[in-house]
Amino acid sequence: MHLFAGHNAGMSTQIAPPPAFARRFRALASEWQSATRFLASPSAAAAHPAYRSVIALGPDAVPLILAELADVPEPWFAALRELTGADPVPPADRGHPADAAAHWLAWGRARGLA
């Protein structure tokens, strides 16, 4: 089931993911962050197998990614674009992780996902 299917614009409550799903996400995110901490290339970080596995979790991972982004503006932007088909970051704020994260978090809050 697609996370955004039948989305109601007035929806403001977020349903917590099943604990096993959240644990899997956190394990993959931790593996990715550890393995790519010193990579200068965002595209290389986005190609890492753990990052690709997060994307393979599907749209249900979006609220978890947004929660991670709220803590630290890691480069989750490619995953969010791929999973949602959206890109709320204006061109002027690309390359500025804190600003890009703020746009994504506002996007998520507007949809009841953050």
N, C-alpha and C. Protein backbone atom coordinates (compact mmCIF):
# COMPACT_ATOMS: atom_id res chain seq x y z
N MET A 1 0.84 -1.18 0.00
CA MET A 1 0.00 0.00 0.00
C MET A 1 0.89 1.24 0.00
N HIS A 2 0.57 2.17 -0.85
CA HIS A 2 1.34 3.40 -0.99
C HIS A 2 0.95 4.37 0.11
N LEU A 3 1.94 4.92 0.80
CA LEU A 3 1.73 5.83 1.91
C LEU A 3 0.84 6.99 1.55
N PHE A 4 0.94 7.47 0.33
CA PHE A 4 0.22 8.68 -0.05
C PHE A 4 -1.11 8.39 -0.72
N ALA A 5 -1.47 7.14 -0.90
CA ALA A 5 -2.74 6.80 -1.53
C ALA A 5 -3.90 7.27 -0.67
N GLY A 6 -4.84 7.95 -1.28
CA GLY A 6 -6.02 8.40 -0.55
C GLY A 6 -5.69 9.44 0.50
N HIS A 7 -4.61 10.19 0.32
CA HIS A 7 -4.20 11.18 1.30
C HIS A 7 -5.25 12.26 1.44
N ASN A 8 -5.56 12.60 2.67
CA ASN A 8 -6.51 13.66 2.98
C ASN A 8 -5.71 14.88 3.40
N ALA A 9 -5.93 16.02 2.74
CA ALA A 9 -5.15 17.22 3.03
C ALA A 9 -5.32 17.68 4.47
N GLY A 10 -6.42 17.33 5.11
CA GLY A 10 -6.64 17.75 6.48
C GLY A 10 -6.05 16.78 7.49
N MET A 11 -5.43 15.72 7.03
CA MET A 11 -4.87 14.70 7.92
C MET A 11 -3.71 15.28 8.71
N SER A 12 -3.76 15.12 10.04
CA SER A 12 -2.67 15.67 10.83
C SER A 12 -2.07 14.63 11.76
N THR A 13 -2.66 13.46 11.84
CA THR A 13 -2.08 12.44 12.71
C THR A 13 -1.25 11.47 11.90
N GLN A 14 -0.14 11.12 12.48
CA GLN A 14 0.76 10.20 11.82
C GLN A 14 0.70 8.87 12.56
N ILE A 15 0.54 7.81 11.81
CA ILE A 15 0.51 6.48 12.41
C ILE A 15 1.95 5.99 12.54
N ALA A 16 2.30 5.52 13.72
CA ALA A 16 3.66 5.03 13.96
C ALA A 16 3.90 3.76 13.16
N PRO A 17 5.10 3.62 12.60
CA PRO A 17 5.41 2.40 11.86
C PRO A 17 5.53 1.22 12.82
N PRO A 18 5.33 0.01 12.33
CA PRO A 18 5.54 -1.16 13.19
C PRO A 18 6.97 -1.15 13.73
N PRO A 19 7.16 -1.59 14.97
CA PRO A 19 8.51 -1.57 15.57
C PRO A 19 9.58 -2.27 14.74
N ALA A 20 9.25 -3.39 14.13
CA ALA A 20 10.25 -4.12 13.33
C ALA A 20 10.67 -3.29 12.12
N PHE A 21 9.73 -2.59 11.51
CA PHE A 21 10.03 -1.73 10.36
C PHE A 21 10.94 -0.59 10.80
N ALA A 22 10.62 0.05 11.91
CA ALA A 22 11.43 1.16 12.43
C ALA A 22 12.84 0.68 12.79
N ARG A 23 12.95 -0.51 13.39
CA ARG A 23 14.28 -1.05 13.72
C ARG A 23 15.09 -1.31 12.46
N ARG A 24 14.46 -1.87 11.46
CA ARG A 24 15.15 -2.14 10.18
C ARG A 24 15.64 -0.83 9.57
N PHE A 25 14.76 0.18 9.57
CA PHE A 25 15.16 1.48 9.03
C PHE A 25 16.36 2.03 9.80
N ARG A 26 16.29 2.02 11.13
CA ARG A 26 17.37 2.59 11.94
C ARG A 26 18.68 1.84 11.73
N ALA A 27 18.62 0.53 11.60
CA ALA A 27 19.83 -0.26 11.35
C ALA A 27 20.45 0.11 10.01
N LEU A 28 19.63 0.23 8.98
CA LEU A 28 20.14 0.60 7.66
C LEU A 28 20.69 2.03 7.66
N ALA A 29 19.97 2.94 8.33
CA ALA A 29 20.42 4.34 8.39
C ALA A 29 21.75 4.43 9.11
N SER A 30 21.88 3.71 10.19
CA SER A 30 23.12 3.72 10.96
C SER A 30 24.28 3.15 10.14
N GLU A 31 24.02 2.04 9.46
CA GLU A 31 25.05 1.42 8.61
C GLU A 31 25.48 2.40 7.53
N TRP A 32 24.52 3.04 6.88
CA TRP A 32 24.81 4.01 5.82
C TRP A 32 25.61 5.20 6.36
N GLN A 33 25.17 5.74 7.48
CA GLN A 33 25.86 6.91 8.04
C GLN A 33 27.30 6.57 8.42
N SER A 34 27.50 5.42 9.01
CA SER A 34 28.86 5.00 9.40
C SER A 34 29.75 4.79 8.18
N ALA A 35 29.21 4.15 7.17
CA ALA A 35 30.01 3.80 6.00
C ALA A 35 30.30 5.00 5.10
N THR A 36 29.47 6.03 5.15
CA THR A 36 29.64 7.14 4.21
C THR A 36 30.03 8.45 4.89
N ARG A 37 30.32 8.39 6.17
CA ARG A 37 30.61 9.59 6.97
C ARG A 37 31.66 10.50 6.32
N PHE A 38 32.67 9.92 5.69
CA PHE A 38 33.78 10.72 5.16
C PHE A 38 33.74 10.86 3.64
N LEU A 39 32.65 10.45 3.02
CA LEU A 39 32.54 10.61 1.57
C LEU A 39 32.19 12.05 1.23
N ALA A 40 32.89 12.61 0.27
CA ALA A 40 32.61 13.99 -0.15
C ALA A 40 31.49 14.05 -1.18
N SER A 41 31.23 12.95 -1.85
CA SER A 41 30.26 12.93 -2.93
C SER A 41 28.89 12.45 -2.46
N PRO A 42 27.86 13.34 -2.52
CA PRO A 42 26.51 12.90 -2.18
C PRO A 42 26.02 11.77 -3.07
N SER A 43 26.43 11.77 -4.35
CA SER A 43 25.96 10.70 -5.23
C SER A 43 26.57 9.36 -4.84
N ALA A 44 27.81 9.36 -4.35
CA ALA A 44 28.42 8.11 -3.87
C ALA A 44 27.71 7.64 -2.61
N ALA A 45 27.38 8.56 -1.73
CA ALA A 45 26.64 8.19 -0.51
C ALA A 45 25.27 7.63 -0.86
N ALA A 46 24.61 8.22 -1.86
CA ALA A 46 23.28 7.76 -2.26
C ALA A 46 23.32 6.43 -2.99
N ALA A 47 24.49 6.04 -3.47
CA ALA A 47 24.62 4.75 -4.16
C ALA A 47 24.96 3.61 -3.19
N HIS A 48 25.24 3.95 -1.93
CA HIS A 48 25.61 2.91 -0.96
C HIS A 48 24.47 1.90 -0.81
N PRO A 49 24.78 0.62 -0.69
CA PRO A 49 23.75 -0.41 -0.58
C PRO A 49 22.75 -0.19 0.57
N ALA A 50 23.20 0.31 1.71
CA ALA A 50 22.28 0.53 2.82
C ALA A 50 21.29 1.66 2.49
N TYR A 51 21.75 2.70 1.81
CA TYR A 51 20.88 3.80 1.39
C TYR A 51 19.84 3.27 0.41
N ARG A 52 20.31 2.46 -0.54
CA ARG A 52 19.39 1.87 -1.53
C ARG A 52 18.39 0.95 -0.83
N SER A 53 18.82 0.27 0.23
CA SER A 53 17.90 -0.59 0.98
C SER A 53 16.85 0.22 1.72
N VAL A 54 17.22 1.40 2.20
CA VAL A 54 16.22 2.29 2.82
C VAL A 54 15.18 2.66 1.79
N ILE A 55 15.61 3.03 0.60
CA ILE A 55 14.66 3.38 -0.46
C ILE A 55 13.79 2.19 -0.81
N ALA A 56 14.36 1.00 -0.79
CA ALA A 56 13.59 -0.21 -1.09
C ALA A 56 12.50 -0.46 -0.04
N LEU A 57 12.62 0.13 1.14
CA LEU A 57 11.56 -0.01 2.16
C LEU A 57 10.27 0.65 1.68
N GLY A 58 10.38 1.58 0.75
CA GLY A 58 9.21 2.20 0.16
C GLY A 58 8.77 3.45 0.90
N PRO A 59 7.65 4.03 0.47
CA PRO A 59 7.15 5.29 1.01
C PRO A 59 6.89 5.30 2.51
N ASP A 60 6.69 4.13 3.10
CA ASP A 60 6.47 4.10 4.55
C ASP A 60 7.70 4.54 5.33
N ALA A 61 8.85 4.60 4.66
CA ALA A 61 10.08 5.07 5.31
C ALA A 61 10.15 6.59 5.38
N VAL A 62 9.29 7.29 4.63
CA VAL A 62 9.37 8.75 4.57
C VAL A 62 9.27 9.41 5.94
N PRO A 63 8.29 9.06 6.80
CA PRO A 63 8.24 9.71 8.12
C PRO A 63 9.50 9.46 8.96
N LEU A 64 10.09 8.29 8.81
CA LEU A 64 11.31 7.98 9.55
C LEU A 64 12.49 8.79 9.02
N ILE A 65 12.55 8.95 7.71
CA ILE A 65 13.61 9.77 7.12
C ILE A 65 13.44 11.21 7.57
N LEU A 66 12.21 11.71 7.57
CA LEU A 66 11.97 13.09 8.01
C LEU A 66 12.36 13.28 9.48
N ALA A 67 12.10 12.27 10.30
CA ALA A 67 12.49 12.35 11.71
C ALA A 67 14.02 12.41 11.84
N GLU A 68 14.73 11.63 11.02
CA GLU A 68 16.19 11.67 11.01
C GLU A 68 16.66 13.05 10.57
N LEU A 69 16.02 13.57 9.55
CA LEU A 69 16.38 14.87 9.00
C LEU A 69 16.17 15.99 10.02
N ALA A 70 15.17 15.84 10.87
CA ALA A 70 14.91 16.85 11.90
C ALA A 70 16.05 16.89 12.92
N ASP A 71 16.68 15.75 13.15
CA ASP A 71 17.79 15.69 14.10
C ASP A 71 19.10 16.20 13.50
N VAL A 72 19.41 15.71 12.31
CA VAL A 72 20.66 16.06 11.64
C VAL A 72 20.38 16.15 10.14
N PRO A 73 20.74 17.26 9.51
CA PRO A 73 20.47 17.37 8.07
C PRO A 73 21.40 16.52 7.21
N GLU A 74 21.31 15.21 7.40
CA GLU A 74 22.07 14.27 6.57
C GLU A 74 21.52 14.36 5.14
N PRO A 75 22.27 13.93 4.15
CA PRO A 75 21.79 14.02 2.77
C PRO A 75 20.77 12.94 2.40
N TRP A 76 19.59 13.05 2.99
CA TRP A 76 18.49 12.14 2.69
C TRP A 76 17.66 12.64 1.50
N PHE A 77 18.08 13.75 0.90
CA PHE A 77 17.24 14.43 -0.07
C PHE A 77 16.96 13.59 -1.31
N ALA A 78 17.95 12.85 -1.80
CA ALA A 78 17.73 12.00 -2.97
C ALA A 78 16.71 10.91 -2.66
N ALA A 79 16.79 10.33 -1.48
CA ALA A 79 15.83 9.29 -1.10
C ALA A 79 14.42 9.87 -1.01
N LEU A 80 14.30 11.04 -0.41
CA LEU A 80 12.98 11.67 -0.31
C LEU A 80 12.41 11.99 -1.68
N ARG A 81 13.24 12.50 -2.57
CA ARG A 81 12.75 12.79 -3.94
C ARG A 81 12.30 11.50 -4.63
N GLU A 82 13.10 10.45 -4.48
CA GLU A 82 12.77 9.19 -5.14
C GLU A 82 11.50 8.57 -4.57
N LEU A 83 11.36 8.61 -3.25
CA LEU A 83 10.21 7.98 -2.60
C LEU A 83 8.91 8.76 -2.76
N THR A 84 9.01 10.08 -2.87
CA THR A 84 7.79 10.91 -2.90
C THR A 84 7.45 11.48 -4.26
N GLY A 85 8.45 11.57 -5.13
CA GLY A 85 8.22 12.23 -6.41
C GLY A 85 8.16 13.75 -6.26
N ALA A 86 8.45 14.26 -5.08
CA ALA A 86 8.40 15.69 -4.80
C ALA A 86 9.80 16.25 -4.66
N ASP A 87 9.90 17.56 -4.76
CA ASP A 87 11.15 18.26 -4.48
C ASP A 87 10.81 19.68 -4.03
N PRO A 88 10.55 19.86 -2.72
CA PRO A 88 10.14 21.17 -2.23
C PRO A 88 11.28 22.17 -2.04
N VAL A 89 12.51 21.77 -2.39
CA VAL A 89 13.67 22.64 -2.16
C VAL A 89 13.87 23.55 -3.38
N PRO A 90 13.74 24.87 -3.18
CA PRO A 90 13.97 25.77 -4.32
C PRO A 90 15.44 25.74 -4.73
N PRO A 91 15.72 26.01 -6.00
CA PRO A 91 17.10 25.96 -6.49
C PRO A 91 18.09 26.75 -5.64
N ALA A 92 17.69 27.88 -5.10
CA ALA A 92 18.61 28.71 -4.30
C ALA A 92 19.07 28.01 -3.03
N ASP A 93 18.27 27.04 -2.53
CA ASP A 93 18.62 26.37 -1.28
C ASP A 93 19.27 25.00 -1.49
N ARG A 94 19.42 24.58 -2.72
CA ARG A 94 20.11 23.32 -2.98
C ARG A 94 21.58 23.50 -2.64
N GLY A 95 22.16 22.50 -2.04
CA GLY A 95 23.55 22.61 -1.62
C GLY A 95 23.71 23.20 -0.24
N HIS A 96 22.59 23.55 0.39
CA HIS A 96 22.58 24.08 1.76
C HIS A 96 21.74 23.12 2.61
N PRO A 97 22.38 22.10 3.21
CA PRO A 97 21.63 21.04 3.90
C PRO A 97 20.62 21.52 4.95
N ALA A 98 20.97 22.50 5.75
CA ALA A 98 20.03 22.96 6.78
C ALA A 98 18.79 23.59 6.15
N ASP A 99 18.99 24.37 5.09
CA ASP A 99 17.85 25.00 4.41
C ASP A 99 17.01 23.95 3.70
N ALA A 100 17.68 23.01 3.02
CA ALA A 100 16.96 21.95 2.31
C ALA A 100 16.15 21.11 3.30
N ALA A 101 16.76 20.81 4.45
CA ALA A 101 16.05 20.03 5.47
C ALA A 101 14.81 20.78 5.95
N ALA A 102 14.93 22.09 6.16
CA ALA A 102 13.78 22.89 6.61
C ALA A 102 12.64 22.81 5.60
N HIS A 103 12.95 22.85 4.30
CA HIS A 103 11.90 22.75 3.27
C HIS A 103 11.24 21.38 3.30
N TRP A 104 12.05 20.33 3.43
CA TRP A 104 11.48 18.98 3.48
C TRP A 104 10.63 18.78 4.72
N LEU A 105 11.08 19.30 5.85
CA LEU A 105 10.31 19.15 7.08
C LEU A 105 8.98 19.91 7.00
N ALA A 106 9.00 21.08 6.40
CA ALA A 106 7.75 21.83 6.20
C ALA A 106 6.82 21.05 5.27
N TRP A 107 7.39 20.47 4.22
CA TRP A 107 6.62 19.64 3.29
C TRP A 107 5.98 18.47 4.05
N GLY A 108 6.77 17.80 4.87
CA GLY A 108 6.27 16.66 5.63
C GLY A 108 5.19 17.05 6.63
N ARG A 109 5.39 18.15 7.33
CA ARG A 109 4.38 18.62 8.30
C ARG A 109 3.06 18.94 7.60
N ALA A 110 3.13 19.53 6.43
CA ALA A 110 1.93 19.88 5.67
C ALA A 110 1.14 18.64 5.27
N ARG A 111 1.79 17.50 5.25
CA ARG A 111 1.15 16.24 4.86
C ARG A 111 0.94 15.29 6.02
N GLY A 112 1.22 15.76 7.22
CA GLY A 112 1.06 14.91 8.40
C GLY A 112 2.10 13.81 8.51
N LEU A 113 3.27 14.02 7.90
CA LEU A 113 4.31 13.00 7.88
C LEU A 113 5.48 13.33 8.79
N ALA A 114 5.54 14.55 9.29
CA ALA A 114 6.67 14.96 10.12
C ALA A 114 6.17 15.65 11.37
